[in-house]
Protein backbone atom coordinates (compact mmCIF):
# COMPACT_ATOMS: atom_id res chain seq x y z
CA MET A 1 -8.51 -9.88 16.50
CA ARG A 2 -11.07 -7.86 14.61
CA VAL A 3 -11.19 -8.74 10.81
CA ASP A 4 -11.34 -4.37 10.17
CA ILE A 5 -7.98 -4.14 11.48
CA SER A 6 -4.10 -4.98 9.75
CA GLU A 7 -0.98 -4.64 11.16
CA TYR A 8 -0.21 -4.25 8.18
CA LEU A 9 -0.23 -1.25 5.16
CA TYR A 10 -0.13 -1.51 1.97
CA HIS A 11 0.66 0.43 -0.96
CA TRP A 12 -1.60 -0.55 -3.67
CA ILE A 13 -0.49 0.47 -7.51
CA ARG A 14 -2.61 2.49 -8.99
CA ALA A 15 -2.74 1.36 -13.02
CA GLU A 16 -5.39 1.18 -15.92
CA SER A 17 -4.52 -2.23 -16.74
CA GLU A 18 -2.62 -5.33 -15.42
CA GLU A 19 0.08 -5.28 -17.92
CA ASP A 20 0.30 -1.68 -16.40
CA ALA A 21 0.00 -2.53 -13.11
CA ILE A 22 2.62 -5.81 -13.14
CA TYR A 23 5.20 -3.05 -15.29
CA LYS A 24 4.71 -0.60 -11.95
CA LEU A 25 4.72 -2.97 -9.88
CA CYS A 26 8.40 -4.96 -11.78
CA SER A 27 9.72 -1.37 -10.91
CA ILE A 28 9.53 -1.31 -7.44
CA ILE A 29 11.37 -4.38 -6.99
CA GLU A 30 13.97 -3.20 -9.76
CA ASN A 31 15.02 -0.05 -8.46
CA ARG A 32 14.29 -0.96 -4.19
CA LYS A 33 11.88 1.65 -3.98
CA LEU A 34 8.47 3.87 -3.68
CA LEU A 35 8.53 6.84 -5.24
CA GLY A 36 5.87 9.66 -3.39
CA GLY A 37 3.57 11.52 -5.58
CA ASN A 38 1.87 14.81 -5.28
CA GLY A 39 -1.17 13.70 -7.95
CA PHE A 40 -4.41 13.85 -5.58
CA ILE A 41 -2.56 16.17 -2.21
CA ARG A 42 -3.53 19.65 -1.76
CA GLY A 43 -0.20 21.96 -1.17
CA GLN A 44 1.91 19.51 -3.82
CA HIS A 45 3.23 18.14 -1.03
CA THR A 46 4.60 15.06 -2.31
CA CYS A 47 4.02 11.64 -0.05
CA ILE A 48 3.64 7.97 -0.27
CA CYS A 49 0.17 7.11 0.29
CA PHE A 50 -1.05 3.71 1.90
CA THR A 51 -3.65 2.05 3.15
CA GLU A 52 -4.69 0.06 6.54
CA THR A 53 -7.58 -1.48 5.02
CA PRO A 54 -7.14 -4.96 5.50
CA MET A 55 -5.96 -6.74 2.06
CA ASN A 56 -8.59 -8.65 1.86
CA LEU A 57 -11.52 -5.81 2.61
CA PHE A 58 -10.11 -3.38 0.11
CA HIS A 59 -11.05 -4.84 -3.45
CA LYS A 60 -14.74 -5.48 -2.54
CA ARG A 61 -15.48 -1.64 -3.55
CA GLU A 62 -14.17 -0.76 -7.14
CA SER A 63 -11.46 1.92 -7.04
CA ARG A 64 -8.24 2.90 -9.20
CA TYR A 65 -5.95 0.51 -7.67
CA LYS A 66 -5.08 -2.63 -8.93
CA LYS A 67 -4.80 -6.32 -7.15
CA PHE A 68 -0.96 -5.79 -6.93
CA GLY A 69 0.71 -4.00 -3.98
CA VAL A 70 3.54 -3.77 -1.19
CA ARG A 71 2.50 -5.13 2.12
CA PHE A 72 4.57 -3.23 5.44
CA LEU A 73 4.58 -3.78 8.73
CA LYS A 74 2.41 -0.75 10.34
CA GLU A 75 4.77 0.11 12.85
CA HIS A 76 7.65 0.25 9.96
CA ILE A 77 6.32 3.11 8.51
CA PHE A 78 5.14 5.02 11.46
CA LYS A 79 8.44 4.94 12.79
CA LYS A 80 9.77 6.02 9.63
CA GLY A 81 7.31 9.13 10.10
CA GLY A 82 4.35 7.73 8.31
CA ARG A 83 1.11 8.43 10.35
CA PRO A 84 -3.12 8.58 9.49
CA VAL A 85 -4.72 11.15 7.43
CA ILE A 86 -6.87 14.03 8.82
CA TYR A 87 -10.41 13.99 6.68
CA GLN A 88 -11.60 17.63 7.05
CA GLN A 89 -13.41 19.75 4.72
CA ASP A 90 -11.30 22.47 2.56
CA ASP A 91 -12.04 25.10 4.35
CA GLU A 92 -10.40 23.62 7.35
CA TYR A 93 -6.93 22.69 4.88
CA ASN A 94 -5.29 26.30 6.51
CA ASN A 95 -6.07 26.00 9.77
CA LEU A 96 -4.02 23.22 10.02
CA PRO A 97 -0.25 24.03 10.97
CA GLU A 98 2.07 23.74 8.08
CA ASN A 99 4.18 20.53 8.98
CA LEU A 100 0.67 18.63 9.38
CA LYS A 101 -0.73 19.99 5.74
CA TRP A 102 0.84 16.74 4.15
CA ARG A 103 -2.14 15.06 5.82
CA HIS A 104 -5.11 16.63 4.70
CA VAL A 105 -7.53 14.68 2.58
CA SER A 106 -10.79 16.43 1.50
CA PHE A 107 -14.34 14.76 3.16
CA SER A 108 -17.25 16.30 2.10
CA PRO A 109 -20.20 13.54 2.79
CA PRO A 110 -21.88 12.53 0.64
CA LYS A 111 -20.28 13.99 -2.62
CA ILE A 112 -16.64 13.23 -1.48
CA ASP A 113 -15.60 10.70 1.20
CA PHE A 114 -12.48 8.46 1.12
CA THR A 115 -12.37 7.65 4.70
CA TRP A 116 -13.06 4.00 3.46
CA GLU A 117 -9.34 3.85 1.75
CA ARG A 118 -8.19 4.67 5.37
CA GLU A 119 -4.94 6.29 4.55
CA TRP A 120 -1.51 6.38 5.28
CA ARG A 121 0.92 8.50 4.49
CA LEU A 122 4.57 8.94 4.71
CA ASN A 123 5.98 12.72 3.38
CA PHE A 124 8.88 11.19 1.30
CA GLN A 125 9.76 11.90 -2.28
CA GLU A 126 10.69 8.24 -2.27
CA LEU A 127 11.02 5.18 0.37
CA GLU A 128 13.99 2.76 -0.26
CA ILE A 129 13.15 -1.32 0.76
CA GLU A 130 14.84 -3.58 1.82
CA PRO A 131 13.13 -7.51 0.77
CA GLN A 132 12.91 -8.32 4.57
CA GLU A 133 10.14 -5.89 4.94
CA ILE A 134 8.27 -6.16 2.30
CA THR A 135 5.82 -8.65 1.02
CA PHE A 136 4.35 -8.34 -2.54
CA ILE A 137 0.84 -9.12 -3.26
CA VAL A 138 -0.23 -10.04 -6.44
CA PRO A 139 -4.18 -11.18 -7.85
CA HIS A 140 -3.35 -14.97 -9.23
CA GLU A 141 -0.52 -17.44 -8.96
CA GLY A 142 0.38 -16.84 -12.47
CA PHE A 143 1.94 -13.16 -11.57
CA GLY A 144 3.28 -14.67 -8.57
CA GLU A 145 5.08 -17.15 -10.13
CA CYS A 146 6.49 -15.16 -12.99
CA LEU A 147 7.41 -12.36 -10.13
CA SER A 148 8.96 -15.53 -8.70
CA THR A 149 11.28 -16.47 -11.71
CA THR A 150 11.80 -12.93 -13.01
CA TYR A 151 13.34 -11.43 -9.68
CA TYR A 152 14.40 -15.22 -8.07
CA THR A 153 17.33 -13.78 -6.02
CA LYS A 154 17.66 -15.26 -2.56
CA GLU A 155 16.73 -11.82 -0.68
CA TYR A 156 13.86 -11.70 -2.53
CA ARG A 157 12.59 -15.22 -2.38
CA THR A 158 12.65 -14.82 0.93
CA VAL A 159 9.97 -11.94 1.65
CA PHE A 160 7.71 -13.40 -0.42
CA SER A 161 4.52 -15.26 1.58
CA ALA A 162 0.87 -16.60 0.86
CA VAL A 163 -1.94 -16.38 3.12
CA PRO A 164 -4.24 -19.34 2.49
CA VAL A 165 -7.58 -18.84 0.73
CA SER A 166 -9.50 -20.65 3.55
CA ASP A 167 -7.71 -18.30 6.20
CA PRO A 168 -7.41 -14.65 5.07
CA TYR A 169 -7.01 -12.90 8.54
CA SER A 170 -4.23 -15.41 9.70
CA VAL A 171 -1.17 -13.27 10.84
CA ASN A 172 0.81 -17.11 10.81
CA GLN A 173 1.59 -16.98 7.27
CA PRO A 174 4.45 -19.63 6.34
CA GLU A 175 7.36 -18.03 5.25
CA HIS A 176 8.29 -20.44 2.29
CA PHE A 177 6.14 -19.36 -0.20
CA LYS A 178 6.51 -16.94 -2.78
CA TYR A 179 3.88 -14.20 -2.77
CA ILE A 180 0.81 -13.54 -1.49
CA VAL A 181 -2.03 -13.92 -3.96
CA LEU A 182 -4.94 -11.51 -3.17
């Protein structure tokens, strides 16, 4: 398997600090849903955003996202209507049919180029999540232990898992771990 392709999509937490990121991740856990936004989406379409860039490659570049997130199987998001965005120049936006405009992302290299994010979107106000559908991602053991202690219910304990540091591309992850450490 190629290391730049993943069977997963990741929803990374955008935050100013680690404290803010853990607060947002806890809110996702407590409310069992991801909320859509429209801050960077032309036409004010409300979407939930994901990346298909593998987690071990995404954070090699400085970005507005912290190393906290939620992982989904790509197939799961696709079945719900999620699709890759369409990277194009702004003057091409109106060429899109109305039902595809939510997928538009500005592309005008070298000034505007977010293709490295390999973004997917789901045109939803919110996405309810079930514990068995997701895996939480945290930057180090301390946050993982905090989450697993705070949210120590049977259903959430079964969805936390870990990627061995020696094998970051492994898809055969043990299910008995509590979270992924990035």
